[in-house]
Amino acid sequence: MDKSKKNTIISLVAVGLISIGVIIAFSVPLGIFPPIGELLFPGNGLWNINEEVPEMEVISSPYLTADVTIYRDE
């Protein structure tokens, strides 16, 4: 086997191992944190927003000194 084919095979194996490592890293929870892949998945995690947004909601905070109105569009 010539040197270029050997280098290509080594590169493919390295890329495969790195890819498998990244997939496993994104699939394993880190302590109290869920798996990173689950957080970044568009249908889950950070992007998960309830379809129904309440028309009115009361939130208390010691930092607010007056009423606050938030308008939401569709």
PDB file of N, CA and C in Angstrom:
ATOM      1  N   MET A   1       0.858  -1.174   0.000  1.00  0.00           N
ATOM      2  CA  MET A   1       0.000   0.000   0.000  1.00  0.00           C
ATOM      3  C   MET A   1       0.905   1.239   0.000  1.00  0.00           C
ATOM      4  N   ASP A   2       0.606   2.192  -0.888  1.00  0.00           N
ATOM      5  CA  ASP A   2       1.459   3.365  -0.951  1.00  0.00           C
ATOM      6  C   ASP A   2       1.126   4.335   0.188  1.00  0.00           C
ATOM      7  N   LYS A   3       1.991   5.309   0.363  1.00  0.00           N
ATOM      8  CA  LYS A   3       1.906   6.223   1.510  1.00  0.00           C
ATOM      9  C   LYS A   3       0.643   7.084   1.490  1.00  0.00           C
ATOM     10  N   SER A   4       0.185   7.524   0.326  1.00  0.00           N
ATOM     11  CA  SER A   4      -0.999   8.389   0.258  1.00  0.00           C
ATOM     12  C   SER A   4      -2.263   7.635   0.674  1.00  0.00           C
ATOM     13  N   LYS A   5      -2.379   6.366   0.278  1.00  0.00           N
ATOM     14  CA  LYS A   5      -3.540   5.569   0.690  1.00  0.00           C
ATOM     15  C   LYS A   5      -3.519   5.324   2.201  1.00  0.00           C
ATOM     16  N   LYS A   6      -2.314   5.084   2.715  1.00  0.00           N
ATOM     17  CA  LYS A   6      -2.172   4.854   4.151  1.00  0.00           C
ATOM     18  C   LYS A   6      -2.570   6.109   4.929  1.00  0.00           C
ATOM     19  N   ASN A   7      -2.129   7.282   4.476  1.00  0.00           N
ATOM     20  CA  ASN A   7      -2.481   8.545   5.125  1.00  0.00           C
ATOM     21  C   ASN A   7      -3.987   8.802   5.042  1.00  0.00           C
ATOM     22  N   THR A   8      -4.601   8.468   3.910  1.00  0.00           N
ATOM     23  CA  THR A   8      -6.045   8.647   3.748  1.00  0.00           C
ATOM     24  C   THR A   8      -6.808   7.756   4.721  1.00  0.00           C
ATOM     25  N   ILE A   9      -6.393   6.519   4.851  1.00  0.00           N
ATOM     26  CA  ILE A   9      -7.066   5.593   5.773  1.00  0.00           C
ATOM     27  C   ILE A   9      -6.898   6.068   7.216  1.00  0.00           C
ATOM     28  N   ILE A  10      -5.703   6.514   7.570  1.00  0.00           N
ATOM     29  CA  ILE A  10      -5.468   7.027   8.928  1.00  0.00           C
ATOM     30  C   ILE A  10      -6.331   8.252   9.190  1.00  0.00           C
ATOM     31  N   SER A  11      -6.428   9.134   8.204  1.00  0.00           N
ATOM     32  CA  SER A  11      -7.274  10.331   8.358  1.00  0.00           C
ATOM     33  C   SER A  11      -8.738   9.951   8.530  1.00  0.00           C
ATOM     34  N   LEU A  12      -9.229   9.009   7.746  1.00  0.00           N
ATOM     35  CA  LEU A  12     -10.626   8.585   7.863  1.00  0.00           C
ATOM     36  C   LEU A  12     -10.905   7.947   9.219  1.00  0.00           C
ATOM     37  N   VAL A  13      -9.995   7.131   9.696  1.00  0.00           N
ATOM     38  CA  VAL A  13     -10.163   6.514  11.016  1.00  0.00           C
ATOM     39  C   VAL A  13     -10.164   7.594  12.105  1.00  0.00           C
ATOM     40  N   ALA A  14      -9.268   8.564  12.000  1.00  0.00           N
ATOM     41  CA  ALA A  14      -9.205   9.647  12.991  1.00  0.00           C
ATOM     42  C   ALA A  14     -10.499  10.455  12.979  1.00  0.00           C
ATOM     43  N   VAL A  15     -10.994  10.786  11.806  1.00  0.00           N
ATOM     44  CA  VAL A  15     -12.246  11.547  11.707  1.00  0.00           C
ATOM     45  C   VAL A  15     -13.406  10.731  12.269  1.00  0.00           C
ATOM     46  N   GLY A  16     -13.420   9.439  11.992  1.00  0.00           N
ATOM     47  CA  GLY A  16     -14.474   8.579  12.524  1.00  0.00           C
ATOM     48  C   GLY A  16     -14.447   8.522  14.040  1.00  0.00           C
ATOM     49  N   LEU A  17     -13.263   8.375  14.619  1.00  0.00           N
ATOM     50  CA  LEU A  17     -13.139   8.331  16.075  1.00  0.00           C
ATOM     51  C   LEU A  17     -13.528   9.659  16.726  1.00  0.00           C
ATOM     52  N   ILE A  18     -13.116  10.755  16.116  1.00  0.00           N
ATOM     53  CA  ILE A  18     -13.488  12.076  16.638  1.00  0.00           C
ATOM     54  C   ILE A  18     -15.000  12.268  16.552  1.00  0.00           C
ATOM     55  N   SER A  19     -15.600  11.856  15.449  1.00  0.00           N
ATOM     56  CA  SER A  19     -17.052  11.976  15.283  1.00  0.00           C
ATOM     57  C   SER A  19     -17.796  11.161  16.335  1.00  0.00           C
ATOM     58  N   ILE A  20     -17.348   9.953  16.562  1.00  0.00           N
ATOM     59  CA  ILE A  20     -17.966   9.115  17.588  1.00  0.00           C
ATOM     60  C   ILE A  20     -17.801   9.750  18.963  1.00  0.00           C
ATOM     61  N   GLY A  21     -16.630  10.313  19.236  1.00  0.00           N
ATOM     62  CA  GLY A  21     -16.393  10.995  20.517  1.00  0.00           C
ATOM     63  C   GLY A  21     -17.318  12.182  20.715  1.00  0.00           C
ATOM     64  N   VAL A  22     -17.520  12.971  19.673  1.00  0.00           N
ATOM     65  CA  VAL A  22     -18.411  14.135  19.768  1.00  0.00           C
ATOM     66  C   VAL A  22     -19.852  13.686  19.988  1.00  0.00           C
ATOM     67  N   ILE A  23     -20.288  12.667  19.277  1.00  0.00           N
ATOM     68  CA  ILE A  23     -21.657  12.155  19.449  1.00  0.00           C
ATOM     69  C   ILE A  23     -21.859  11.658  20.869  1.00  0.00           C
ATOM     70  N   ILE A  24     -20.896  10.934  21.395  1.00  0.00           N
ATOM     71  CA  ILE A  24     -21.010  10.436  22.776  1.00  0.00           C
ATOM     72  C   ILE A  24     -20.992  11.598  23.764  1.00  0.00           C
ATOM     73  N   ALA A  25     -20.131  12.588  23.542  1.00  0.00           N
ATOM     74  CA  ALA A  25     -20.052  13.738  24.451  1.00  0.00           C
ATOM     75  C   ALA A  25     -21.369  14.503  24.484  1.00  0.00           C
ATOM     76  N   PHE A  26     -22.046  14.630  23.345  1.00  0.00           N
ATOM     77  CA  PHE A  26     -23.318  15.337  23.309  1.00  0.00           C
ATOM     78  C   PHE A  26     -24.473  14.498  23.839  1.00  0.00           C
ATOM     79  N   SER A  27     -24.253  13.206  24.023  1.00  0.00           N
ATOM     80  CA  SER A  27     -25.316  12.312  24.473  1.00  0.00           C
ATOM     81  C   SER A  27     -25.269  12.009  25.967  1.00  0.00           C
ATOM     82  N   VAL A  28     -24.183  12.351  26.625  1.00  0.00           N
ATOM     83  CA  VAL A  28     -23.995  11.994  28.032  1.00  0.00           C
ATOM     84  C   VAL A  28     -24.289  13.213  28.908  1.00  0.00           C
ATOM     85  N   PRO A  29     -25.134  13.047  29.932  1.00  0.00           N
ATOM     86  CA  PRO A  29     -25.380  14.176  30.843  1.00  0.00           C
ATOM     87  C   PRO A  29     -24.127  14.499  31.658  1.00  0.00           C
ATOM     88  N   LEU A  30     -23.946  15.773  31.959  1.00  0.00           N
ATOM     89  CA  LEU A  30     -22.800  16.226  32.740  1.00  0.00           C
ATOM     90  C   LEU A  30     -23.280  16.678  34.117  1.00  0.00           C
ATOM     91  N   GLY A  31     -23.254  15.788  35.084  1.00  0.00           N
ATOM     92  CA  GLY A  31     -23.707  16.121  36.435  1.00  0.00           C
ATOM     93  C   GLY A  31     -25.190  16.444  36.446  1.00  0.00           C
ATOM     94  N   ILE A  32     -25.527  17.666  36.866  1.00  0.00           N
ATOM     95  CA  ILE A  32     -26.943  18.070  36.928  1.00  0.00           C
ATOM     96  C   ILE A  32     -27.448  18.589  35.584  1.00  0.00           C
ATOM     97  N   PHE A  33     -26.551  18.765  34.632  1.00  0.00           N
ATOM     98  CA  PHE A  33     -26.939  19.289  33.328  1.00  0.00           C
ATOM     99  C   PHE A  33     -27.365  18.166  32.397  1.00  0.00           C
ATOM    100  N   PRO A  34     -28.416  18.393  31.621  1.00  0.00           N
ATOM    101  CA  PRO A  34     -28.820  17.367  30.660  1.00  0.00           C
ATOM    102  C   PRO A  34     -27.795  17.272  29.534  1.00  0.00           C
ATOM    103  N   PRO A  35     -27.892  16.255  28.706  1.00  0.00           N
ATOM    104  CA  PRO A  35     -26.949  16.153  27.578  1.00  0.00           C
ATOM    105  C   PRO A  35     -26.988  17.405  26.701  1.00  0.00           C
ATOM    106  N   ILE A  36     -25.844  17.851  26.240  1.00  0.00           N
ATOM    107  CA  ILE A  36     -25.768  19.077  25.435  1.00  0.00           C
ATOM    108  C   ILE A  36     -26.588  18.940  24.160  1.00  0.00           C
ATOM    109  N   GLY A  37     -26.546  17.771  23.551  1.00  0.00           N
ATOM    110  CA  GLY A  37     -27.316  17.554  22.327  1.00  0.00           C
ATOM    111  C   GLY A  37     -28.804  17.735  22.554  1.00  0.00           C
ATOM    112  N   GLU A  38     -29.292  17.324  23.720  1.00  0.00           N
ATOM    113  CA  GLU A  38     -30.707  17.487  24.041  1.00  0.00           C
ATOM    114  C   GLU A  38     -31.050  18.955  24.244  1.00  0.00           C
ATOM    115  N   LEU A  39     -30.128  19.723  24.831  1.00  0.00           N
ATOM    116  CA  LEU A  39     -30.376  21.157  25.020  1.00  0.00           C
ATOM    117  C   LEU A  39     -30.433  21.903  23.690  1.00  0.00           C
ATOM    118  N   LEU A  40     -29.592  21.516  22.760  1.00  0.00           N
ATOM    119  CA  LEU A  40     -29.495  22.233  21.489  1.00  0.00           C
ATOM    120  C   LEU A  40     -30.469  21.738  20.427  1.00  0.00           C
ATOM    121  N   PHE A  41     -31.127  20.616  20.669  1.00  0.00           N
ATOM    122  CA  PHE A  41     -32.072  20.069  19.708  1.00  0.00           C
ATOM    123  C   PHE A  41     -33.252  21.023  19.547  1.00  0.00           C
ATOM    124  N   PRO A  42     -33.622  21.427  18.315  1.00  0.00           N
ATOM    125  CA  PRO A  42     -34.661  22.430  18.114  1.00  0.00           C
ATOM    126  C   PRO A  42     -36.026  22.079  18.711  1.00  0.00           C
ATOM    127  N   GLY A  43     -36.377  20.809  18.816  1.00  0.00           N
ATOM    128  CA  GLY A  43     -37.683  20.441  19.352  1.00  0.00           C
ATOM    129  C   GLY A  43     -37.671  20.206  20.835  1.00  0.00           C
ATOM    130  N   ASN A  44     -36.589  20.543  21.497  1.00  0.00           N
ATOM    131  CA  ASN A  44     -36.444  20.222  22.906  1.00  0.00           C
ATOM    132  C   ASN A  44     -35.482  21.233  23.535  1.00  0.00           C
ATOM    133  N   GLY A  45     -35.285  21.150  24.804  1.00  0.00           N
ATOM    134  CA  GLY A  45     -34.252  21.940  25.472  1.00  0.00           C
ATOM    135  C   GLY A  45     -34.503  23.429  25.454  1.00  0.00           C
ATOM    136  N   LEU A  46     -33.488  24.197  25.065  1.00  0.00           N
ATOM    137  CA  LEU A  46     -33.565  25.656  25.117  1.00  0.00           C
ATOM    138  C   LEU A  46     -34.634  26.236  24.203  1.00  0.00           C
ATOM    139  N   TRP A  47     -34.924  25.529  23.117  1.00  0.00           N
ATOM    140  CA  TRP A  47     -35.858  26.046  22.133  1.00  0.00           C
ATOM    141  C   TRP A  47     -37.304  25.656  22.428  1.00  0.00           C
ATOM    142  N   ASN A  48     -37.527  24.840  23.441  1.00  0.00           N
ATOM    143  CA  ASN A  48     -38.863  24.348  23.743  1.00  0.00           C
ATOM    144  C   ASN A  48     -39.697  25.449  24.387  1.00  0.00           C
ATOM    145  N   ILE A  49     -40.676  25.934  23.678  1.00  0.00           N
ATOM    146  CA  ILE A  49     -41.561  26.985  24.163  1.00  0.00           C
ATOM    147  C   ILE A  49     -42.983  26.463  24.074  1.00  0.00           C
ATOM    148  N   ASN A  50     -43.745  26.704  25.125  1.00  0.00           N
ATOM    149  CA  ASN A  50     -45.139  26.291  25.087  1.00  0.00           C
ATOM    150  C   ASN A  50     -45.845  26.951  23.913  1.00  0.00           C
ATOM    151  N   GLU A  51     -46.707  26.194  23.270  1.00  0.00           N
ATOM    152  CA  GLU A  51     -47.440  26.765  22.142  1.00  0.00           C
ATOM    153  C   GLU A  51     -48.451  27.804  22.619  1.00  0.00           C
ATOM    154  N   GLU A  52     -49.015  27.576  23.771  1.00  0.00           N
ATOM    155  CA  GLU A  52     -49.988  28.509  24.334  1.00  0.00           C
ATOM    156  C   GLU A  52     -49.269  29.482  25.263  1.00  0.00           C
ATOM    157  N   VAL A  53     -49.339  30.758  24.940  1.00  0.00           N
ATOM    158  CA  VAL A  53     -48.780  31.788  25.803  1.00  0.00           C
ATOM    159  C   VAL A  53     -49.952  32.434  26.544  1.00  0.00           C
ATOM    160  N   PRO A  54     -49.872  32.527  27.869  1.00  0.00           N
ATOM    161  CA  PRO A  54     -51.002  33.096  28.602  1.00  0.00           C
ATOM    162  C   PRO A  54     -51.291  34.530  28.173  1.00  0.00           C
ATOM    163  N   GLU A  55     -52.578  34.845  28.129  1.00  0.00           N
ATOM    164  CA  GLU A  55     -52.974  36.203  27.736  1.00  0.00           C
ATOM    165  C   GLU A  55     -52.560  37.203  28.799  1.00  0.00           C
ATOM    166  N   MET A  56     -52.663  36.796  30.066  1.00  0.00           N
ATOM    167  CA  MET A  56     -52.263  37.679  31.159  1.00  0.00           C
ATOM    168  C   MET A  56     -51.515  36.847  32.193  1.00  0.00           C
ATOM    169  N   GLU A  57     -50.452  37.426  32.714  1.00  0.00           N
ATOM    170  CA  GLU A  57     -49.645  36.724  33.703  1.00  0.00           C
ATOM    171  C   GLU A  57     -49.132  37.747  34.708  1.00  0.00           C
ATOM    172  N   VAL A  58     -49.184  37.411  35.985  1.00  0.00           N
ATOM    173  CA  VAL A  58     -48.701  38.311  37.031  1.00  0.00           C
ATOM    174  C   VAL A  58     -47.386  37.754  37.554  1.00  0.00           C
ATOM    175  N   ILE A  59     -46.360  38.586  37.515  1.00  0.00           N
ATOM    176  CA  ILE A  59     -45.041  38.193  37.989  1.00  0.00           C
ATOM    177  C   ILE A  59     -44.607  39.196  39.045  1.00  0.00           C
ATOM    178  N   SER A  60     -44.137  38.687  40.171  1.00  0.00           N
ATOM    179  CA  SER A  60     -43.672  39.569  41.247  1.00  0.00           C
ATOM    180  C   SER A  60     -42.151  39.601  41.263  1.00  0.00           C
ATOM    181  N   SER A  61     -41.606  40.785  41.452  1.00  0.00           N
ATOM    182  CA  SER A  61     -40.164  40.932  41.549  1.00  0.00           C
ATOM    183  C   SER A  61     -39.858  42.122  42.460  1.00  0.00           C
ATOM    184  N   PRO A  62     -38.904  41.984  43.357  1.00  0.00           N
ATOM    185  CA  PRO A  62     -38.562  43.105  44.242  1.00  0.00           C
ATOM    186  C   PRO A  62     -37.888  44.253  43.488  1.00  0.00           C
ATOM    187  N   TYR A  63     -37.459  44.018  42.259  1.00  0.00           N
ATOM    188  CA  TYR A  63     -36.767  45.047  41.488  1.00  0.00           C
ATOM    189  C   TYR A  63     -37.715  45.954  40.705  1.00  0.00           C
ATOM    190  N   LEU A  64     -38.981  45.556  40.604  1.00  0.00           N
ATOM    191  CA  LEU A  64     -39.952  46.379  39.890  1.00  0.00           C
ATOM    192  C   LEU A  64     -40.628  47.326  40.873  1.00  0.00           C
ATOM    193  N   THR A  65     -40.686  48.588  40.506  1.00  0.00           N
ATOM    194  CA  THR A  65     -41.313  49.570  41.391  1.00  0.00           C
ATOM    195  C   THR A  65     -42.653  50.043  40.846  1.00  0.00           C
ATOM    196  N   ALA A  66     -43.002  49.643  39.641  1.00  0.00           N
ATOM    197  CA  ALA A  66     -44.277  50.034  39.043  1.00  0.00           C
ATOM    198  C   ALA A  66     -44.771  48.885  38.166  1.00  0.00           C
ATOM    199  N   ASP A  67     -46.008  49.027  37.678  1.00  0.00           N
ATOM    200  CA  ASP A  67     -46.559  48.004  36.794  1.00  0.00           C
ATOM    201  C   ASP A  67     -45.817  48.005  35.459  1.00  0.00           C
ATOM    202  N   VAL A  68     -45.677  46.838  34.894  1.00  0.00           N
ATOM    203  CA  VAL A  68     -45.026  46.677  33.601  1.00  0.00           C
ATOM    204  C   VAL A  68     -45.996  45.972  32.672  1.00  0.00           C
ATOM    205  N   THR A  69     -46.125  46.481  31.458  1.00  0.00           N
ATOM    206  CA  THR A  69     -46.979  45.853  30.462  1.00  0.00           C
ATOM    207  C   THR A  69     -46.123  45.315  29.335  1.00  0.00           C
ATOM    208  N   ILE A  70     -46.345  44.055  28.996  1.00  0.00           N
ATOM    209  CA  ILE A  70     -45.601  43.426  27.904  1.00  0.00           C
ATOM    210  C   ILE A  70     -46.614  43.068  26.818  1.00  0.00           C
ATOM    211  N   TYR A  71     -46.335  43.525  25.610  1.00  0.00           N
ATOM    212  CA  TYR A  71     -47.211  43.228  24.468  1.00  0.00           C
ATOM    213  C   TYR A  71     -46.544  42.150  23.636  1.00  0.00           C
ATOM    214  N   ARG A  72     -47.333  41.139  23.279  1.00  0.00           N
ATOM    215  CA  ARG A  72     -46.832  40.048  22.434  1.00  0.00           C
ATOM    216  C   ARG A  72     -47.574  40.061  21.109  1.00  0.00           C
ATOM    217  N   ASP A  73     -46.851  39.901  20.054  1.00  0.00           N
ATOM    218  CA  ASP A  73     -47.518  39.782  18.769  1.00  0.00           C
ATOM    219  C   ASP A  73     -47.706  38.305  18.436  1.00  0.00           C
ATOM    220  N   GLU A  74     -48.412  38.029  17.361  1.00  0.00           N
ATOM    221  CA  GLU A  74     -48.656  36.654  16.982  1.00  0.00           C
ATOM    222  C   GLU A  74     -47.448  36.069  16.318  1.00  0.00           C
TER     223      GLU A  74
END
